[in-house]
Amino acid sequence: LMLIERALELEKLKKENQELWDRSGLNEVYIGSSIVSTNLKNLIKKVSSTKSRVLIKGSYGVGKQFVARMIHNQSNRKKSAFIIAKTKRQDLDNLEEELFGKETIDGKIEKIGLLEQAHNGTLYIDEVSNLDLKMQARIVKLLAENVFTRVSGKVLINVNVRVLAGTNKDLIEEIKINGFREDLYYRLSVVPIDIPTLNNRAEDIPDLISHFMKLCSKNLGLLPRVISQEAITVLQSKDWKGNIKELRSYVEQLLIISPDTDDMI
């Protein structure tokens, strides 16, 4: 009965995760035909077909999670779950239970963790540098043995999970100041992927604007607009500190505040 209960709960969680992703409208290819984007897409295609762990590096807003999802969708695990482990400060207190699950004293499953939800699929650890050293040690052991125990549990749980991780920090520098375990770095960084900033792929901005215009107009229920060439030239020279996320927000803002009578912005 416990196994059946666990299986039903896992199936429910997987469906909810997929529905959220489908509604986001982001399950498409990496947008852009610049040299750096083409090289990145080729690398994603190569690494997707392997079982290797991947460390996805890049500054805020470049699309690390999106690239992780692309790797999953192009792999032989694509029919299984893609699960995200968030490591924002407000999530860290309960992260061990979220990741490994929890049992009651008498051995009953109290919470199914993200690792079990990702069984036969992919687990993406967002901003892995936020993990404290204790959690890093647990993950090192997990990656070495592919087994773990739930919080307060005694039974070993076997999992088949491909682990991808993202970071906006230089983990080598974090290792030097004892902020990150060296053994975890080398286990995660079997294949490192560096995602370019938007400033380094300005040629892709027209394609990205067109993509976000269609996406945002659909989500907002507004008619799409045409961005003039003059405006695109200005946007290509802008310093996009927030990268892709900032550009998408900007396009959405243009749609909302521009007059309904204007076909071109």
Protein backbone atom coordinates (compact mmCIF):
# COMPACT_ATOMS: atom_id res chain seq x y z
CA LEU A 1 0.00 0.00 0.00
CA MET A 2 2.86 2.37 0.77
CA LEU A 3 4.47 1.64 -2.61
CA ILE A 4 1.17 2.26 -4.41
CA GLU A 5 0.65 5.51 -2.49
CA ARG A 6 4.16 6.64 -3.37
CA ALA A 7 3.70 5.79 -7.06
CA LEU A 8 0.40 7.68 -7.31
CA GLU A 9 1.85 10.75 -5.61
CA LEU A 10 4.89 10.74 -7.90
CA GLU A 11 2.69 10.52 -11.00
CA LYS A 12 0.59 13.44 -9.78
CA LEU A 13 3.68 15.57 -9.13
CA LYS A 14 5.14 14.77 -12.56
CA LYS A 15 1.92 15.78 -14.33
CA GLU A 16 1.68 19.03 -12.38
CA ASN A 17 5.30 19.87 -13.23
CA GLN A 18 4.74 19.24 -16.95
CA GLU A 19 1.51 21.25 -17.02
CA LEU A 20 3.26 24.24 -15.45
CA TRP A 21 5.99 24.07 -18.07
CA ASP A 22 3.54 23.72 -20.96
CA ARG A 23 1.56 26.75 -19.78
CA SER A 24 4.73 28.84 -19.60
CA GLY A 25 5.10 28.68 -23.38
CA LEU A 26 8.87 28.26 -23.09
CA ASN A 27 9.23 24.68 -24.31
CA GLU A 28 10.92 25.69 -27.55
CA VAL A 29 14.41 25.80 -29.01
CA TYR A 30 17.16 28.20 -28.04
CA ILE A 31 16.41 31.40 -29.96
CA GLY A 32 19.25 32.93 -31.98
CA SER A 33 21.43 32.32 -35.03
CA SER A 34 24.59 34.17 -33.96
CA ILE A 35 27.87 32.25 -33.89
CA VAL A 36 27.90 31.98 -30.09
CA SER A 37 24.28 30.77 -30.02
CA THR A 38 24.91 28.24 -32.80
CA ASN A 39 27.94 26.88 -30.96
CA LEU A 40 25.93 26.63 -27.75
CA LYS A 41 23.10 24.75 -29.46
CA ASN A 42 25.58 22.30 -30.96
CA LEU A 43 27.14 21.69 -27.54
CA ILE A 44 23.70 21.17 -25.96
CA LYS A 45 22.87 18.62 -28.65
CA LYS A 46 26.11 16.72 -28.04
CA VAL A 47 25.85 16.62 -24.26
CA SER A 48 22.12 15.77 -24.25
CA SER A 49 22.69 12.32 -25.69
CA THR A 50 25.12 11.39 -22.89
CA LYS A 51 24.63 10.52 -19.23
CA SER A 52 27.17 13.09 -18.10
CA ARG A 53 26.50 15.64 -15.41
CA VAL A 54 26.59 19.23 -16.63
CA LEU A 55 27.48 22.46 -14.83
CA ILE A 56 25.69 25.37 -16.51
CA LYS A 57 27.43 28.67 -15.85
CA GLY A 58 26.25 32.19 -16.56
CA SER A 59 25.12 35.47 -15.05
CA TYR A 60 21.59 36.27 -13.91
CA GLY A 61 18.90 35.97 -16.57
CA VAL A 62 20.90 34.26 -19.34
CA GLY A 63 18.67 31.18 -19.32
CA LYS A 64 20.51 28.54 -17.31
CA GLN A 65 17.31 26.75 -16.32
CA PHE A 66 16.07 26.91 -19.91
CA VAL A 67 19.28 25.25 -21.16
CA ALA A 68 18.93 22.55 -18.50
CA ARG A 69 15.39 21.89 -19.73
CA MET A 70 16.67 21.70 -23.33
CA ILE A 71 19.27 19.10 -22.31
CA HIS A 72 16.55 17.05 -20.65
CA ASN A 73 14.14 17.36 -23.59
CA GLN A 74 16.81 16.19 -26.05
CA SER A 75 17.93 13.26 -23.88
CA ASN A 76 16.60 9.72 -23.58
CA ARG A 77 15.08 10.80 -20.24
CA LYS A 78 12.66 13.26 -21.86
CA LYS A 79 9.59 11.13 -21.10
CA SER A 80 10.42 11.25 -17.39
CA ALA A 81 10.28 14.21 -15.01
CA PHE A 82 12.41 17.34 -15.09
CA ILE A 83 12.56 18.59 -11.49
CA ILE A 84 14.02 21.86 -10.22
CA ALA A 85 15.63 22.22 -6.78
CA LYS A 86 15.58 25.90 -5.88
CA THR A 87 18.25 27.21 -3.52
CA LYS A 88 17.09 30.75 -2.83
CA ARG A 89 17.68 31.90 0.72
CA GLN A 90 14.04 31.44 1.74
CA ASP A 91 14.12 27.85 0.47
CA LEU A 92 17.33 26.72 2.17
CA ASP A 93 15.88 25.99 5.63
CA ASN A 94 13.66 23.22 4.28
CA LEU A 95 15.87 22.18 1.37
CA GLU A 96 17.02 18.89 2.91
CA GLU A 97 13.41 17.73 3.32
CA GLU A 98 12.49 19.10 -0.11
CA LEU A 99 15.35 17.27 -1.76
CA PHE A 100 15.50 13.98 0.16
CA GLY A 101 11.96 13.70 1.54
CA LYS A 102 10.95 12.86 5.08
CA GLU A 103 9.66 9.90 7.10
CA THR A 104 7.86 9.71 10.42
CA ILE A 105 9.42 7.89 13.37
CA ASP A 106 7.46 4.74 12.54
CA GLY A 107 8.73 4.74 8.94
CA LYS A 108 5.69 6.17 7.16
CA ILE A 109 6.39 8.47 4.21
CA GLU A 110 5.63 12.02 5.27
CA LYS A 111 7.07 13.78 2.21
CA ILE A 112 8.33 12.56 -1.15
CA GLY A 113 11.47 14.51 -2.03
CA LEU A 114 12.55 15.99 -5.33
CA LEU A 115 15.06 13.19 -5.90
CA GLU A 116 12.33 10.56 -5.92
CA GLN A 117 10.18 12.77 -8.14
CA ALA A 118 13.10 12.92 -10.60
CA HIS A 119 13.66 9.14 -10.67
CA ASN A 120 14.61 8.09 -14.25
CA GLY A 121 14.57 11.77 -15.16
CA THR A 122 16.61 14.89 -14.50
CA LEU A 123 17.19 16.99 -11.37
CA TYR A 124 18.35 20.56 -11.93
CA ILE A 125 19.93 22.26 -8.91
CA ASP A 126 19.45 26.00 -9.35
CA GLU A 127 22.36 28.20 -8.15
CA VAL A 128 24.24 25.34 -6.56
CA SER A 129 26.73 27.70 -4.88
CA ASN A 130 23.99 28.68 -2.39
CA LEU A 131 24.14 25.24 -0.75
CA ASP A 132 25.85 25.08 2.63
CA LEU A 133 28.73 22.67 3.16
CA LYS A 134 26.57 20.14 5.01
CA MET A 135 24.15 19.87 2.09
CA GLN A 136 27.06 19.76 -0.35
CA ALA A 137 28.42 16.73 1.55
CA ARG A 138 25.07 14.92 1.25
CA ILE A 139 24.99 15.55 -2.49
CA VAL A 140 28.57 14.29 -2.92
CA LYS A 141 27.54 11.04 -1.24
CA LEU A 142 24.40 10.83 -3.37
CA LEU A 143 26.36 11.29 -6.60
CA ALA A 144 28.89 8.68 -5.54
CA GLU A 145 26.42 6.00 -4.41
CA ASN A 146 23.05 6.84 -6.08
CA VAL A 147 21.31 6.01 -2.80
CA PHE A 148 20.09 8.12 0.11
CA THR A 149 17.85 8.08 3.15
CA ARG A 150 14.94 10.41 3.74
CA VAL A 151 15.15 12.82 6.68
CA SER A 152 14.47 10.75 9.84
CA GLY A 153 14.47 7.64 7.66
CA LYS A 154 16.57 4.49 7.80
CA VAL A 155 15.69 2.70 4.55
CA LEU A 156 18.09 3.25 1.63
CA ILE A 157 16.34 4.69 -1.44
CA ASN A 158 17.82 3.89 -4.86
CA VAL A 159 17.46 6.53 -7.56
CA ASN A 160 18.43 6.84 -11.21
CA VAL A 161 18.74 10.59 -11.70
CA ARG A 162 20.80 12.75 -14.02
CA VAL A 163 21.94 15.81 -12.07
CA LEU A 164 22.45 19.17 -13.77
CA ALA A 165 23.48 22.27 -11.83
CA GLY A 166 23.55 25.99 -12.50
CA THR A 167 25.67 28.76 -11.03
CA ASN A 168 26.25 32.47 -11.53
CA LYS A 169 29.40 32.37 -9.39
CA ASP A 170 32.95 31.30 -10.14
CA LEU A 171 33.06 28.03 -8.20
CA ILE A 172 36.85 27.81 -8.45
CA GLU A 173 37.04 31.07 -6.50
CA GLU A 174 34.43 29.72 -4.05
CA ILE A 175 36.63 26.64 -3.50
CA LYS A 176 39.60 28.90 -2.66
CA ILE A 177 37.66 30.59 0.14
CA ASN A 178 36.19 27.27 1.38
CA GLY A 179 32.72 28.19 0.20
CA PHE A 180 32.37 25.18 -2.10
CA ARG A 181 33.61 21.60 -1.96
CA GLU A 182 36.21 20.75 -4.58
CA ASP A 183 35.03 17.13 -4.86
CA LEU A 184 31.47 18.30 -5.55
CA TYR A 185 32.69 20.72 -8.20
CA TYR A 186 34.46 17.99 -10.16
CA ARG A 187 31.51 15.60 -9.84
CA LEU A 188 29.10 18.23 -11.19
CA SER A 189 31.37 19.77 -13.81
CA VAL A 190 31.94 16.72 -16.01
CA VAL A 191 30.81 18.92 -18.91
CA PRO A 192 30.83 22.69 -18.24
CA ILE A 193 28.61 24.94 -20.35
CA ASP A 194 29.09 28.72 -20.37
CA ILE A 195 26.00 30.64 -21.50
CA PRO A 196 26.77 33.99 -23.18
CA THR A 197 25.25 37.22 -21.90
CA LEU A 198 22.77 39.06 -24.11
CA ASN A 199 25.40 41.76 -24.71
CA ASN A 200 27.60 39.06 -26.27
CA ARG A 201 24.85 37.92 -28.63
CA ALA A 202 23.26 41.22 -29.67
CA GLU A 203 22.71 39.80 -33.19
CA ASP A 204 20.01 37.56 -31.67
CA ILE A 205 17.98 40.45 -30.23
CA PRO A 206 15.64 40.88 -33.26
CA ASP A 207 14.74 37.16 -33.16
CA LEU A 208 14.28 37.27 -29.38
CA ILE A 209 12.04 40.34 -29.60
CA SER A 210 9.87 38.63 -32.23
CA HIS A 211 9.63 35.50 -30.07
CA PHE A 212 8.75 37.37 -26.88
CA MET A 213 6.28 39.61 -28.72
CA LYS A 214 4.29 36.56 -29.83
CA LEU A 215 4.55 34.92 -26.41
CA CYS A 216 3.64 38.00 -24.36
CA SER A 217 0.79 39.08 -26.64
CA LYS A 218 -0.72 35.62 -26.31
CA ASN A 219 -0.35 35.57 -22.51
CA LEU A 220 -1.72 39.11 -22.12
CA GLY A 221 -4.49 38.79 -24.68
CA LEU A 222 -3.15 41.76 -26.66
CA LEU A 223 -2.41 42.19 -30.34
CA PRO A 224 1.30 41.82 -31.19
CA ARG A 225 3.14 44.93 -32.39
CA VAL A 226 5.98 45.46 -34.83
CA ILE A 227 9.20 46.91 -33.42
CA SER A 228 10.74 49.45 -35.77
CA GLN A 229 14.27 48.96 -37.06
CA GLU A 230 15.33 52.16 -35.31
CA ALA A 231 14.06 50.82 -32.00
CA ILE A 232 15.78 47.45 -32.55
CA THR A 233 19.09 49.24 -33.24
CA VAL A 234 18.73 51.12 -29.95
CA LEU A 235 17.89 47.91 -28.08
CA GLN A 236 20.92 46.14 -29.56
CA SER A 237 23.20 48.81 -28.11
CA LYS A 238 21.59 48.72 -24.65
CA ASP A 239 23.47 47.23 -21.68
CA TRP A 240 21.25 44.29 -20.70
CA LYS A 241 22.33 43.58 -17.12
CA GLY A 242 19.31 41.29 -16.63
CA ASN A 243 19.92 39.54 -19.96
CA ILE A 244 17.06 37.49 -21.45
CA LYS A 245 14.76 38.03 -18.46
CA GLU A 246 15.17 41.79 -18.72
CA LEU A 247 14.50 41.78 -22.48
CA ARG A 248 11.33 39.75 -22.04
CA SER A 249 10.08 42.11 -19.32
CA TYR A 250 10.86 45.08 -21.57
CA VAL A 251 8.85 43.63 -24.48
CA GLU A 252 5.93 42.90 -22.14
CA GLN A 253 6.10 46.47 -20.82
CA LEU A 254 6.04 47.88 -24.38
CA LEU A 255 2.94 45.86 -25.17
CA ILE A 256 1.11 47.12 -22.09
CA ILE A 257 1.96 50.82 -22.20
CA SER A 258 1.97 51.49 -25.96
CA PRO A 259 -1.30 52.94 -27.41
CA ASP A 260 -3.71 50.38 -28.86
CA THR A 261 -3.83 52.34 -32.10
CA ASP A 262 -0.12 51.89 -32.78
CA ASP A 263 0.81 48.98 -35.03
CA MET A 264 4.50 49.81 -34.79
CA ILE A 265 6.54 50.70 -31.72
